[in-house]
Amino acid sequence: MTEPQWLIWTRALRALAQAGLTYNENPYDRERYEAIRDIAAEMAAAGADVDLPQVRDLFTGQTGYETPKVDVRGVVFQDDKLLLVQELSDGGRWTLPGGWADINEPPSTAVEREVWEESGYQTHATKLLLLYDRSLHGHPPHPFHIYKLFFLCELMGGAPTDSHETSGAAFFAEDAIPDLSISRTTPEEISRLFEHHRHPEWATEFD
């Protein structure tokens, strides 16, 4: 899935406007940067077919120099089966446990926390398997630029539990992967992770 050009332009315009509003104190220049941000919001609203006020609120809520957001995902194998969790917010589709990394939190700690919160399993992050640019790997469009970090996590204990975001956790064989939440995890990523499982000597893969 190729990202639409309007989304790439929108991200670039918003990042330029946000940087200008962060570093420039001249009131006339700030008005120009705000106008650029509004144009980016109009482009995004038209391209995504959503309400303009909703997009404006999203864009104006971002401050400081814009950098990619970080999404961490836990890769937990039990024998030759992979742990997935069922998302409440995406029609019951499944994904690798994970989410946004928090401020002041190392990425290894972030992924261990996410796996625990979403699945009920305690794990220990042992290796970074993949570091992907989300926009290059078949995910649907997203307003923000995102890096996805896939960590191999050793299963330490726990039991499957539900959370406020998930309604199930289970291990699946490669030929029995359920319907995936493509905004979070793609079949191609799952396939690549099974390849890493079969080849533990492989180095980290990155864009």
N, C-alpha and C. Protein backbone atom coordinates (compact mmCIF):
# COMPACT_ATOMS: atom_id res chain seq x y z
N MET A 1 0.85 -1.19 0.00
CA MET A 1 0.00 0.00 0.00
C MET A 1 0.89 1.25 0.00
N THR A 2 0.77 2.06 -1.07
CA THR A 2 1.57 3.28 -1.20
C THR A 2 0.83 4.45 -0.58
N GLU A 3 1.54 5.24 0.20
CA GLU A 3 0.90 6.41 0.81
C GLU A 3 0.55 7.44 -0.25
N PRO A 4 -0.61 8.10 -0.13
CA PRO A 4 -0.98 9.13 -1.11
C PRO A 4 -0.07 10.34 -1.00
N GLN A 5 0.15 10.98 -2.14
CA GLN A 5 1.06 12.13 -2.17
C GLN A 5 0.56 13.27 -1.29
N TRP A 6 -0.78 13.44 -1.21
CA TRP A 6 -1.30 14.53 -0.38
C TRP A 6 -0.89 14.36 1.08
N LEU A 7 -0.79 13.12 1.54
CA LEU A 7 -0.40 12.88 2.93
C LEU A 7 1.07 13.22 3.15
N ILE A 8 1.92 12.87 2.20
CA ILE A 8 3.34 13.20 2.30
C ILE A 8 3.53 14.71 2.32
N TRP A 9 2.82 15.42 1.43
CA TRP A 9 2.91 16.88 1.40
C TRP A 9 2.37 17.48 2.70
N THR A 10 1.27 16.93 3.19
CA THR A 10 0.67 17.44 4.42
C THR A 10 1.64 17.33 5.59
N ARG A 11 2.28 16.18 5.75
CA ARG A 11 3.24 16.00 6.83
C ARG A 11 4.39 17.00 6.72
N ALA A 12 4.90 17.18 5.49
CA ALA A 12 6.02 18.09 5.28
C ALA A 12 5.64 19.53 5.62
N LEU A 13 4.47 19.96 5.17
CA LEU A 13 4.01 21.33 5.46
C LEU A 13 3.81 21.53 6.96
N ARG A 14 3.17 20.56 7.60
CA ARG A 14 2.92 20.69 9.04
C ARG A 14 4.22 20.74 9.82
N ALA A 15 5.20 19.93 9.44
CA ALA A 15 6.49 19.92 10.14
C ALA A 15 7.21 21.26 9.97
N LEU A 16 7.17 21.81 8.75
CA LEU A 16 7.79 23.13 8.53
C LEU A 16 7.10 24.21 9.35
N ALA A 17 5.77 24.19 9.35
CA ALA A 17 5.01 25.19 10.12
C ALA A 17 5.29 25.05 11.60
N GLN A 18 5.34 23.82 12.08
CA GLN A 18 5.56 23.60 13.51
C GLN A 18 6.94 24.04 13.93
N ALA A 19 7.95 23.79 13.09
CA ALA A 19 9.31 24.24 13.40
C ALA A 19 9.37 25.77 13.41
N GLY A 20 8.69 26.39 12.46
CA GLY A 20 8.68 27.85 12.43
C GLY A 20 8.02 28.45 13.66
N LEU A 21 6.92 27.86 14.09
CA LEU A 21 6.23 28.35 15.29
C LEU A 21 7.04 28.08 16.55
N THR A 22 7.92 27.09 16.51
CA THR A 22 8.75 26.77 17.67
C THR A 22 9.91 27.74 17.83
N TYR A 23 10.52 28.14 16.69
CA TYR A 23 11.78 28.89 16.77
C TYR A 23 11.66 30.36 16.39
N ASN A 24 10.54 30.78 15.82
CA ASN A 24 10.44 32.15 15.32
C ASN A 24 9.53 32.98 16.21
N GLU A 25 10.02 34.13 16.68
CA GLU A 25 9.25 35.01 17.56
C GLU A 25 8.60 36.17 16.81
N ASN A 26 8.96 36.37 15.55
CA ASN A 26 8.40 37.47 14.78
C ASN A 26 6.90 37.23 14.57
N PRO A 27 6.05 38.16 15.00
CA PRO A 27 4.60 37.91 14.93
C PRO A 27 4.08 37.73 13.50
N TYR A 28 4.69 38.45 12.54
CA TYR A 28 4.25 38.33 11.16
C TYR A 28 4.63 36.98 10.57
N ASP A 29 5.84 36.52 10.90
CA ASP A 29 6.25 35.19 10.45
C ASP A 29 5.40 34.11 11.09
N ARG A 30 5.05 34.30 12.35
CA ARG A 30 4.22 33.30 13.03
C ARG A 30 2.84 33.20 12.37
N GLU A 31 2.32 34.33 11.93
CA GLU A 31 1.03 34.29 11.22
C GLU A 31 1.16 33.49 9.94
N ARG A 32 2.30 33.64 9.25
CA ARG A 32 2.51 32.89 8.01
C ARG A 32 2.61 31.39 8.30
N TYR A 33 3.33 31.03 9.37
CA TYR A 33 3.45 29.61 9.71
C TYR A 33 2.10 29.02 10.12
N GLU A 34 1.31 29.82 10.82
CA GLU A 34 -0.03 29.35 11.18
C GLU A 34 -0.89 29.15 9.93
N ALA A 35 -0.71 30.03 8.94
CA ALA A 35 -1.44 29.88 7.68
C ALA A 35 -1.02 28.61 6.95
N ILE A 36 0.28 28.32 6.96
CA ILE A 36 0.77 27.09 6.34
C ILE A 36 0.18 25.87 7.04
N ARG A 37 0.14 25.92 8.38
CA ARG A 37 -0.45 24.81 9.14
C ARG A 37 -1.92 24.64 8.79
N ASP A 38 -2.64 25.75 8.59
CA ASP A 38 -4.06 25.66 8.22
C ASP A 38 -4.23 25.04 6.83
N ILE A 39 -3.32 25.40 5.91
CA ILE A 39 -3.38 24.80 4.57
C ILE A 39 -3.15 23.30 4.66
N ALA A 40 -2.19 22.91 5.48
CA ALA A 40 -1.92 21.48 5.66
C ALA A 40 -3.15 20.77 6.23
N ALA A 41 -3.82 21.42 7.17
CA ALA A 41 -5.03 20.83 7.76
C ALA A 41 -6.13 20.69 6.71
N GLU A 42 -6.29 21.69 5.86
CA GLU A 42 -7.31 21.62 4.81
C GLU A 42 -7.00 20.49 3.83
N MET A 43 -5.71 20.34 3.48
CA MET A 43 -5.32 19.25 2.58
C MET A 43 -5.62 17.90 3.21
N ALA A 44 -5.28 17.76 4.50
CA ALA A 44 -5.50 16.48 5.18
C ALA A 44 -6.98 16.17 5.31
N ALA A 45 -7.78 17.17 5.65
CA ALA A 45 -9.21 16.96 5.80
C ALA A 45 -9.85 16.54 4.47
N ALA A 46 -9.43 17.21 3.38
CA ALA A 46 -9.98 16.87 2.06
C ALA A 46 -9.52 15.48 1.62
N GLY A 47 -8.23 15.20 1.84
CA GLY A 47 -7.69 13.91 1.40
C GLY A 47 -8.27 12.74 2.17
N ALA A 48 -8.47 12.92 3.47
CA ALA A 48 -8.97 11.83 4.32
C ALA A 48 -10.49 11.85 4.45
N ASP A 49 -11.13 12.88 3.92
CA ASP A 49 -12.59 13.02 3.99
C ASP A 49 -13.07 13.02 5.45
N VAL A 50 -12.45 13.89 6.26
CA VAL A 50 -12.86 14.06 7.66
C VAL A 50 -13.12 15.54 7.90
N ASP A 51 -13.74 15.84 9.05
CA ASP A 51 -14.10 17.22 9.36
C ASP A 51 -12.85 18.06 9.59
N LEU A 52 -12.83 19.26 8.99
CA LEU A 52 -11.69 20.15 9.12
C LEU A 52 -11.41 20.55 10.57
N PRO A 53 -12.41 20.91 11.40
CA PRO A 53 -12.10 21.27 12.79
C PRO A 53 -11.38 20.15 13.55
N GLN A 54 -11.73 18.91 13.26
CA GLN A 54 -11.08 17.79 13.93
C GLN A 54 -9.59 17.74 13.57
N VAL A 55 -9.27 17.96 12.30
CA VAL A 55 -7.87 17.94 11.86
C VAL A 55 -7.13 19.15 12.41
N ARG A 56 -7.77 20.32 12.41
CA ARG A 56 -7.14 21.52 12.96
C ARG A 56 -6.77 21.31 14.43
N ASP A 57 -7.67 20.72 15.20
CA ASP A 57 -7.40 20.46 16.62
C ASP A 57 -6.21 19.52 16.77
N LEU A 58 -6.16 18.51 15.92
CA LEU A 58 -5.04 17.56 15.97
C LEU A 58 -3.72 18.25 15.69
N PHE A 59 -3.69 19.09 14.67
CA PHE A 59 -2.45 19.76 14.27
C PHE A 59 -2.01 20.82 15.27
N THR A 60 -2.96 21.62 15.75
CA THR A 60 -2.59 22.68 16.69
C THR A 60 -2.18 22.11 18.05
N GLY A 61 -2.56 20.89 18.34
CA GLY A 61 -2.17 20.26 19.60
C GLY A 61 -0.73 19.79 19.62
N GLN A 62 -0.07 19.81 18.45
CA GLN A 62 1.33 19.40 18.38
C GLN A 62 2.22 20.62 18.53
N THR A 63 3.23 20.52 19.39
CA THR A 63 4.15 21.64 19.61
C THR A 63 5.59 21.14 19.57
N GLY A 64 6.52 22.07 19.41
CA GLY A 64 7.93 21.72 19.37
C GLY A 64 8.35 21.20 18.00
N TYR A 65 9.64 20.97 17.85
CA TYR A 65 10.16 20.45 16.58
C TYR A 65 9.63 19.05 16.36
N GLU A 66 9.03 18.81 15.20
CA GLU A 66 8.38 17.52 14.96
C GLU A 66 9.39 16.45 14.54
N THR A 67 9.30 15.31 15.18
CA THR A 67 10.11 14.14 14.83
C THR A 67 9.18 12.93 14.72
N PRO A 68 9.65 11.83 14.12
CA PRO A 68 8.78 10.64 14.03
C PRO A 68 8.37 10.13 15.41
N LYS A 69 7.16 9.63 15.50
CA LYS A 69 6.70 8.98 16.71
C LYS A 69 7.22 7.54 16.74
N VAL A 70 7.31 6.96 17.94
CA VAL A 70 7.89 5.63 18.10
C VAL A 70 6.82 4.65 18.59
N ASP A 71 6.60 3.61 17.80
CA ASP A 71 5.66 2.54 18.13
C ASP A 71 6.47 1.27 18.40
N VAL A 72 6.33 0.71 19.61
CA VAL A 72 7.07 -0.51 19.95
C VAL A 72 6.11 -1.70 19.91
N ARG A 73 6.62 -2.85 19.43
CA ARG A 73 5.82 -4.07 19.34
C ARG A 73 6.62 -5.23 19.91
N GLY A 74 5.94 -6.04 20.75
CA GLY A 74 6.57 -7.19 21.36
C GLY A 74 6.39 -8.44 20.52
N VAL A 75 7.49 -9.14 20.27
CA VAL A 75 7.49 -10.37 19.47
C VAL A 75 7.79 -11.52 20.44
N VAL A 76 6.76 -12.25 20.83
CA VAL A 76 6.86 -13.28 21.87
C VAL A 76 6.50 -14.63 21.25
N PHE A 77 7.48 -15.52 21.22
CA PHE A 77 7.23 -16.86 20.68
C PHE A 77 7.13 -17.87 21.83
N GLN A 78 6.24 -18.81 21.66
CA GLN A 78 6.15 -19.98 22.54
C GLN A 78 6.23 -21.19 21.61
N ASP A 79 7.37 -21.88 21.68
CA ASP A 79 7.68 -22.90 20.67
C ASP A 79 7.69 -22.20 19.31
N ASP A 80 6.83 -22.62 18.39
CA ASP A 80 6.80 -21.99 17.07
C ASP A 80 5.53 -21.18 16.85
N LYS A 81 4.94 -20.72 17.95
CA LYS A 81 3.73 -19.91 17.85
C LYS A 81 4.00 -18.49 18.36
N LEU A 82 3.32 -17.53 17.76
CA LEU A 82 3.54 -16.11 18.03
C LEU A 82 2.36 -15.52 18.82
N LEU A 83 2.68 -14.71 19.83
CA LEU A 83 1.65 -14.08 20.65
C LEU A 83 1.01 -12.90 19.91
N LEU A 84 -0.32 -12.92 19.85
CA LEU A 84 -1.10 -11.80 19.32
C LEU A 84 -2.18 -11.44 20.32
N VAL A 85 -2.62 -10.17 20.25
CA VAL A 85 -3.72 -9.71 21.09
C VAL A 85 -4.84 -9.19 20.20
N GLN A 86 -6.07 -9.29 20.72
CA GLN A 86 -7.24 -8.88 19.96
C GLN A 86 -7.64 -7.46 20.33
N GLU A 87 -7.69 -6.59 19.34
CA GLU A 87 -7.97 -5.18 19.57
C GLU A 87 -9.46 -4.90 19.71
N LEU A 88 -9.82 -4.15 20.74
CA LEU A 88 -11.21 -3.74 20.90
C LEU A 88 -11.60 -2.65 19.90
N SER A 89 -10.62 -1.83 19.50
CA SER A 89 -10.93 -0.65 18.70
C SER A 89 -10.92 -0.92 17.20
N ASP A 90 -10.64 -2.13 16.76
CA ASP A 90 -10.55 -2.40 15.34
C ASP A 90 -11.34 -3.65 14.97
N GLY A 91 -12.54 -3.73 15.45
CA GLY A 91 -13.44 -4.80 15.05
C GLY A 91 -12.99 -6.19 15.46
N GLY A 92 -12.22 -6.29 16.53
CA GLY A 92 -11.78 -7.60 16.99
C GLY A 92 -10.63 -8.19 16.21
N ARG A 93 -9.96 -7.38 15.41
CA ARG A 93 -8.80 -7.87 14.68
C ARG A 93 -7.60 -8.00 15.63
N TRP A 94 -6.57 -8.69 15.16
CA TRP A 94 -5.45 -9.05 16.02
C TRP A 94 -4.18 -8.31 15.64
N THR A 95 -3.28 -8.19 16.60
CA THR A 95 -2.02 -7.49 16.37
C THR A 95 -0.96 -7.97 17.36
N LEU A 96 0.28 -7.65 17.08
CA LEU A 96 1.32 -7.83 18.08
C LEU A 96 1.05 -6.86 19.23
N PRO A 97 1.24 -7.27 20.47
CA PRO A 97 1.05 -6.32 21.58
C PRO A 97 2.05 -5.17 21.47
N GLY A 98 1.57 -3.97 21.76
CA GLY A 98 2.47 -2.82 21.68
C GLY A 98 1.72 -1.51 21.65
N GLY A 99 2.46 -0.44 21.42
CA GLY A 99 1.88 0.90 21.39
C GLY A 99 2.97 1.95 21.43
N TRP A 100 2.58 3.19 21.76
CA TRP A 100 3.53 4.29 21.79
C TRP A 100 4.53 4.14 22.95
N ALA A 101 5.78 4.46 22.67
CA ALA A 101 6.77 4.57 23.74
C ALA A 101 6.50 5.85 24.52
N ASP A 102 6.66 5.80 25.82
CA ASP A 102 6.42 6.96 26.67
C ASP A 102 7.70 7.75 26.91
N ILE A 103 7.54 9.02 27.24
CA ILE A 103 8.68 9.87 27.59
C ILE A 103 9.37 9.32 28.85
N ASN A 104 10.70 9.43 28.88
CA ASN A 104 11.53 8.97 30.01
C ASN A 104 11.47 7.47 30.21
N GLU A 105 11.17 6.72 29.14
CA GLU A 105 11.06 5.27 29.22
C GLU A 105 11.93 4.65 28.13
N PRO A 106 12.92 3.82 28.50
CA PRO A 106 13.71 3.14 27.48
C PRO A 106 12.82 2.28 26.60
N PRO A 107 13.15 2.10 25.33
CA PRO A 107 12.28 1.31 24.45
C PRO A 107 12.10 -0.13 24.92
N SER A 108 13.13 -0.74 25.53
CA SER A 108 12.98 -2.11 26.03
C SER A 108 11.95 -2.16 27.15
N THR A 109 11.97 -1.18 28.03
CA THR A 109 10.99 -1.11 29.11
C THR A 109 9.60 -0.85 28.55
N ALA A 110 9.52 0.00 27.54
CA ALA A 110 8.23 0.33 26.93
C ALA A 110 7.57 -0.92 26.35
N VAL A 111 8.35 -1.73 25.64
CA VAL A 111 7.74 -2.90 25.01
C VAL A 111 7.35 -3.95 26.04
N GLU A 112 8.17 -4.12 27.08
CA GLU A 112 7.81 -5.06 28.14
C GLU A 112 6.52 -4.63 28.84
N ARG A 113 6.39 -3.32 29.08
CA ARG A 113 5.17 -2.79 29.70
C ARG A 113 3.96 -3.02 28.82
N GLU A 114 4.09 -2.72 27.52
CA GLU A 114 2.97 -2.88 26.61
C GLU A 114 2.51 -4.34 26.52
N VAL A 115 3.47 -5.27 26.45
CA VAL A 115 3.10 -6.68 26.39
C VAL A 115 2.35 -7.08 27.65
N TRP A 116 2.84 -6.63 28.80
CA TRP A 116 2.20 -6.96 30.07
C TRP A 116 0.79 -6.38 30.14
N GLU A 117 0.65 -5.11 29.78
CA GLU A 117 -0.65 -4.44 29.88
C GLU A 117 -1.68 -5.04 28.92
N GLU A 118 -1.25 -5.41 27.72
CA GLU A 118 -2.20 -5.84 26.70
C GLU A 118 -2.45 -7.34 26.69
N SER A 119 -1.52 -8.14 27.24
CA SER A 119 -1.68 -9.60 27.14
C SER A 119 -1.71 -10.31 28.49
N GLY A 120 -1.11 -9.70 29.53
CA GLY A 120 -1.00 -10.38 30.82
C GLY A 120 0.26 -11.20 30.97
N TYR A 121 1.12 -11.19 29.94
CA TYR A 121 2.36 -11.97 30.01
C TYR A 121 3.54 -11.09 30.40
N GLN A 122 4.39 -11.61 31.26
CA GLN A 122 5.63 -10.94 31.65
C GLN A 122 6.74 -11.40 30.71
N THR A 123 7.50 -10.44 30.19
CA THR A 123 8.54 -10.76 29.22
C THR A 123 9.80 -9.96 29.50
N HIS A 124 10.86 -10.35 28.82
CA HIS A 124 12.13 -9.63 28.88
C HIS A 124 12.62 -9.40 27.46
N ALA A 125 12.76 -8.13 27.08
CA ALA A 125 13.21 -7.80 25.73
C ALA A 125 14.67 -8.21 25.55
N THR A 126 14.97 -8.97 24.50
CA THR A 126 16.32 -9.50 24.31
C THR A 126 17.00 -9.03 23.03
N LYS A 127 16.21 -8.61 22.02
CA LYS A 127 16.83 -8.24 20.74
C LYS A 127 15.88 -7.38 19.93
N LEU A 128 16.42 -6.36 19.29
CA LEU A 128 15.65 -5.57 18.33
C LEU A 128 15.73 -6.28 16.98
N LEU A 129 14.58 -6.80 16.51
CA LEU A 129 14.55 -7.56 15.27
C LEU A 129 14.40 -6.66 14.05
N LEU A 130 13.43 -5.74 14.11
CA LEU A 130 13.13 -4.87 12.97
C LEU A 130 12.97 -3.43 13.44
N LEU A 131 13.46 -2.50 12.66
CA LEU A 131 13.19 -1.09 12.86
C LEU A 131 12.71 -0.56 11.52
N TYR A 132 11.39 -0.38 11.43
CA TYR A 132 10.76 -0.04 10.16
C TYR A 132 10.18 1.38 10.17
N ASP A 133 10.22 2.01 8.99
CA ASP A 133 9.45 3.21 8.74
C ASP A 133 8.05 2.74 8.35
N ARG A 134 7.06 3.07 9.17
CA ARG A 134 5.70 2.57 8.96
C ARG A 134 5.19 2.83 7.55
N SER A 135 5.55 3.96 6.98
CA SER A 135 5.01 4.35 5.68
C SER A 135 5.54 3.48 4.54
N LEU A 136 6.55 2.65 4.79
CA LEU A 136 7.15 1.84 3.73
C LEU A 136 6.72 0.38 3.76
N HIS A 137 5.78 0.03 4.66
CA HIS A 137 5.51 -1.40 4.86
C HIS A 137 4.03 -1.78 4.83
N GLY A 138 3.26 -1.12 3.97
CA GLY A 138 1.92 -1.59 3.69
C GLY A 138 0.84 -1.23 4.68
N HIS A 139 1.12 -0.30 5.58
CA HIS A 139 0.09 0.15 6.52
C HIS A 139 -0.78 1.23 5.86
N PRO A 140 -2.02 1.38 6.30
CA PRO A 140 -2.85 2.47 5.77
C PRO A 140 -2.30 3.82 6.20
N PRO A 141 -2.69 4.90 5.51
CA PRO A 141 -2.16 6.23 5.81
C PRO A 141 -2.40 6.64 7.26
N HIS A 142 -1.45 7.41 7.79
CA HIS A 142 -1.54 7.93 9.15
C HIS A 142 -1.06 9.38 9.13
N PRO A 143 -1.68 10.27 9.92
CA PRO A 143 -1.28 11.68 9.86
C PRO A 143 0.13 11.95 10.34
N PHE A 144 0.70 11.05 11.14
CA PHE A 144 2.05 11.27 11.67
C PHE A 144 3.04 10.27 11.07
N HIS A 145 4.28 10.70 11.02
CA HIS A 145 5.36 9.82 10.57
C HIS A 145 5.77 8.95 11.76
N ILE A 146 5.85 7.63 11.55
CA ILE A 146 6.02 6.69 12.67
C ILE A 146 7.15 5.71 12.38
N TYR A 147 8.00 5.48 13.37
CA TYR A 147 8.96 4.39 13.34
C TYR A 147 8.40 3.24 14.17
N LYS A 148 8.49 2.02 13.65
CA LYS A 148 8.01 0.84 14.35
C LYS A 148 9.20 -0.03 14.76
N LEU A 149 9.30 -0.32 16.06
CA LEU A 149 10.38 -1.12 16.62
C LEU A 149 9.81 -2.46 17.09
N PHE A 150 10.31 -3.55 16.51
CA PHE A 150 9.84 -4.89 16.84
C PHE A 150 10.91 -5.58 17.70
N PHE A 151 10.59 -5.82 18.97
CA PHE A 151 11.53 -6.42 19.91
C PHE A 151 11.19 -7.89 20.16
N LEU A 152 12.20 -8.76 20.03
CA LEU A 152 12.05 -10.13 20.49
C LEU A 152 12.01 -10.12 22.01
N CYS A 153 10.99 -10.74 22.58
CA CYS A 153 10.82 -10.74 24.03
C CYS A 153 10.72 -12.18 24.54
N GLU A 154 11.52 -12.50 25.54
CA GLU A 154 11.50 -13.83 26.15
C GLU A 154 10.34 -13.92 27.13
N LEU A 155 9.57 -14.99 27.02
CA LEU A 155 8.42 -15.20 27.89
C LEU A 155 8.90 -15.61 29.28
N MET A 156 8.49 -14.85 30.31
CA MET A 156 8.94 -15.09 31.68
C MET A 156 7.85 -15.65 32.58
N GLY A 157 6.59 -15.38 32.25
CA GLY A 157 5.49 -15.85 33.10
C GLY A 157 4.21 -15.10 32.78
N GLY A 158 3.23 -15.26 33.65
CA GLY A 158 1.95 -14.59 33.46
C GLY A 158 0.93 -15.50 32.82
N ALA A 159 -0.22 -14.93 32.53
CA ALA A 159 -1.33 -15.66 31.94
C ALA A 159 -2.16 -14.69 31.10
N PRO A 160 -2.85 -15.19 30.07
CA PRO A 160 -3.61 -14.28 29.21
C PRO A 160 -4.72 -13.56 29.96
N THR A 161 -4.76 -12.24 29.79
CA THR A 161 -5.78 -11.41 30.42
C THR A 161 -6.26 -10.35 29.44
N ASP A 162 -7.45 -9.83 29.68
CA ASP A 162 -7.97 -8.73 28.88
C ASP A 162 -7.50 -7.41 29.47
N SER A 163 -7.61 -6.35 28.67
CA SER A 163 -7.28 -5.01 29.13
C SER A 163 -8.31 -4.03 28.59
N HIS A 164 -8.13 -2.74 28.88
CA HIS A 164 -9.06 -1.75 28.35
C HIS A 164 -8.91 -1.55 26.85
N GLU A 165 -7.83 -2.13 26.26
CA GLU A 165 -7.60 -2.02 24.82
C GLU A 165 -7.77 -3.34 24.08
N THR A 166 -7.68 -4.46 24.81
CA THR A 166 -7.69 -5.76 24.17
C THR A 166 -8.72 -6.69 24.82
N SER A 167 -9.18 -7.66 24.03
CA SER A 167 -10.18 -8.60 24.54
C SER A 167 -9.73 -10.05 24.43
N GLY A 168 -8.44 -10.27 24.27
CA GLY A 168 -7.93 -11.62 24.18
C GLY A 168 -6.46 -11.64 23.85
N ALA A 169 -5.78 -12.71 24.24
CA ALA A 169 -4.37 -12.92 23.93
C ALA A 169 -4.16 -14.41 23.70
N ALA A 170 -3.47 -14.75 22.62
CA ALA A 170 -3.28 -16.16 22.30
C ALA A 170 -2.06 -16.31 21.39
N PHE A 171 -1.53 -17.54 21.35
CA PHE A 171 -0.38 -17.85 20.50
C PHE A 171 -0.89 -18.54 19.23
N PHE A 172 -0.33 -18.14 18.07
CA PHE A 172 -0.79 -18.64 16.78
C PHE A 172 0.39 -19.17 15.96
N ALA A 173 0.13 -20.29 15.28
CA ALA A 173 1.10 -20.82 14.33
C ALA A 173 1.11 -19.95 13.08
N GLU A 174 2.20 -20.04 12.31
CA GLU A 174 2.36 -19.17 11.14
C GLU A 174 1.25 -19.39 10.12
N ASP A 175 0.76 -20.61 10.02
CA ASP A 175 -0.29 -20.90 9.03
C ASP A 175 -1.70 -20.71 9.60
N ALA A 176 -1.80 -20.12 10.78
CA ALA A 176 -3.12 -19.92 11.40
C ALA A 176 -3.28 -18.51 11.95
N ILE A 177 -2.61 -17.54 11.35
CA ILE A 177 -2.69 -16.15 11.81
C ILE A 177 -4.11 -15.62 11.55
N PRO A 178 -4.76 -15.03 12.55
CA PRO A 178 -6.13 -14.51 12.35
C PRO A 178 -6.12 -13.19 11.60
N ASP A 179 -7.29 -12.65 11.37
CA ASP A 179 -7.45 -11.37 10.67
C ASP A 179 -6.72 -10.28 11.45
N LEU A 180 -5.80 -9.58 10.77
CA LEU A 180 -4.92 -8.63 11.45
C LEU A 180 -5.45 -7.19 11.38
N SER A 181 -5.10 -6.42 12.41
CA SER A 181 -5.33 -4.98 12.43
C SER A 181 -4.19 -4.34 11.62
N ILE A 182 -4.45 -4.08 10.35
CA ILE A 182 -3.39 -3.68 9.42
C ILE A 182 -2.78 -2.33 9.80
N SER A 183 -3.51 -1.49 10.49
CA SER A 183 -2.93 -0.22 10.91
C SER A 183 -1.80 -0.44 11.91
N ARG A 184 -1.78 -1.61 12.57
CA ARG A 184 -0.77 -1.90 13.58
C ARG A 184 0.25 -2.94 13.14
N THR A 185 -0.22 -3.99 12.47
CA THR A 185 0.65 -5.10 12.09
C THR A 185 0.19 -5.67 10.75
N THR A 186 1.11 -5.89 9.83
CA THR A 186 0.76 -6.42 8.52
C THR A 186 1.17 -7.88 8.40
N PRO A 187 0.54 -8.62 7.48
CA PRO A 187 0.95 -10.01 7.24
C PRO A 187 2.42 -10.12 6.85
N GLU A 188 2.92 -9.16 6.08
CA GLU A 188 4.31 -9.20 5.66
C GLU A 188 5.25 -9.08 6.87
N GLU A 189 4.89 -8.22 7.82
CA GLU A 189 5.72 -8.10 9.03
C GLU A 189 5.69 -9.39 9.84
N ILE A 190 4.51 -9.99 9.97
CA ILE A 190 4.41 -11.26 10.69
C ILE A 190 5.29 -12.31 10.02
N SER A 191 5.23 -12.40 8.71
CA SER A 191 6.03 -13.36 7.97
C SER A 191 7.52 -13.13 8.21
N ARG A 192 7.92 -11.87 8.22
CA ARG A 192 9.33 -11.57 8.43
C ARG A 192 9.78 -11.95 9.84
N LEU A 193 8.91 -11.78 10.81
CA LEU A 193 9.25 -12.12 12.19
C LEU A 193 9.39 -13.64 12.35
N PHE A 194 8.58 -14.41 11.67
CA PHE A 194 8.76 -15.87 11.70
C PHE A 194 10.08 -16.26 11.05
N GLU A 195 10.49 -15.53 10.00
CA GLU A 195 11.79 -15.79 9.38
C GLU A 195 12.92 -15.52 10.38
N HIS A 196 12.80 -14.44 11.14
CA HIS A 196 13.81 -14.15 12.17
C HIS A 196 13.80 -15.22 13.25
N HIS A 197 12.63 -15.74 13.56
CA HIS A 197 12.53 -16.81 14.55
C HIS A 197 13.29 -18.06 14.09
N ARG A 198 13.20 -18.34 12.79
CA ARG A 198 13.91 -19.49 12.24
C ARG A 198 15.40 -19.24 12.06
N HIS A 199 15.77 -17.95 12.06
CA HIS A 199 17.18 -17.59 11.85
C HIS A 199 17.63 -16.63 12.96
N PRO A 200 17.81 -17.14 14.16
CA PRO A 200 18.18 -16.26 15.29
C PRO A 200 19.53 -15.58 15.12
N GLU A 201 20.33 -16.06 14.18
CA GLU A 201 21.64 -15.46 13.94
C GLU A 201 21.55 -14.18 13.12
N TRP A 202 20.39 -13.89 12.52
CA TRP A 202 20.25 -12.71 11.70
C TRP A 202 20.42 -11.43 12.53
N ALA A 203 21.00 -10.44 11.90
CA ALA A 203 21.16 -9.13 12.53
C ALA A 203 19.85 -8.35 12.47
N THR A 204 19.80 -7.25 13.23
CA THR A 204 18.63 -6.37 13.18
C THR A 204 18.43 -5.86 11.76
N GLU A 205 17.18 -5.83 11.34
CA GLU A 205 16.81 -5.35 10.00
C GLU A 205 16.20 -3.96 10.14
N PHE A 206 16.62 -3.03 9.29
CA PHE A 206 16.13 -1.66 9.44
C PHE A 206 16.05 -0.98 8.09
N ASP A 207 15.19 0.05 8.01
CA ASP A 207 15.06 0.86 6.81
C ASP A 207 16.15 1.93 6.78
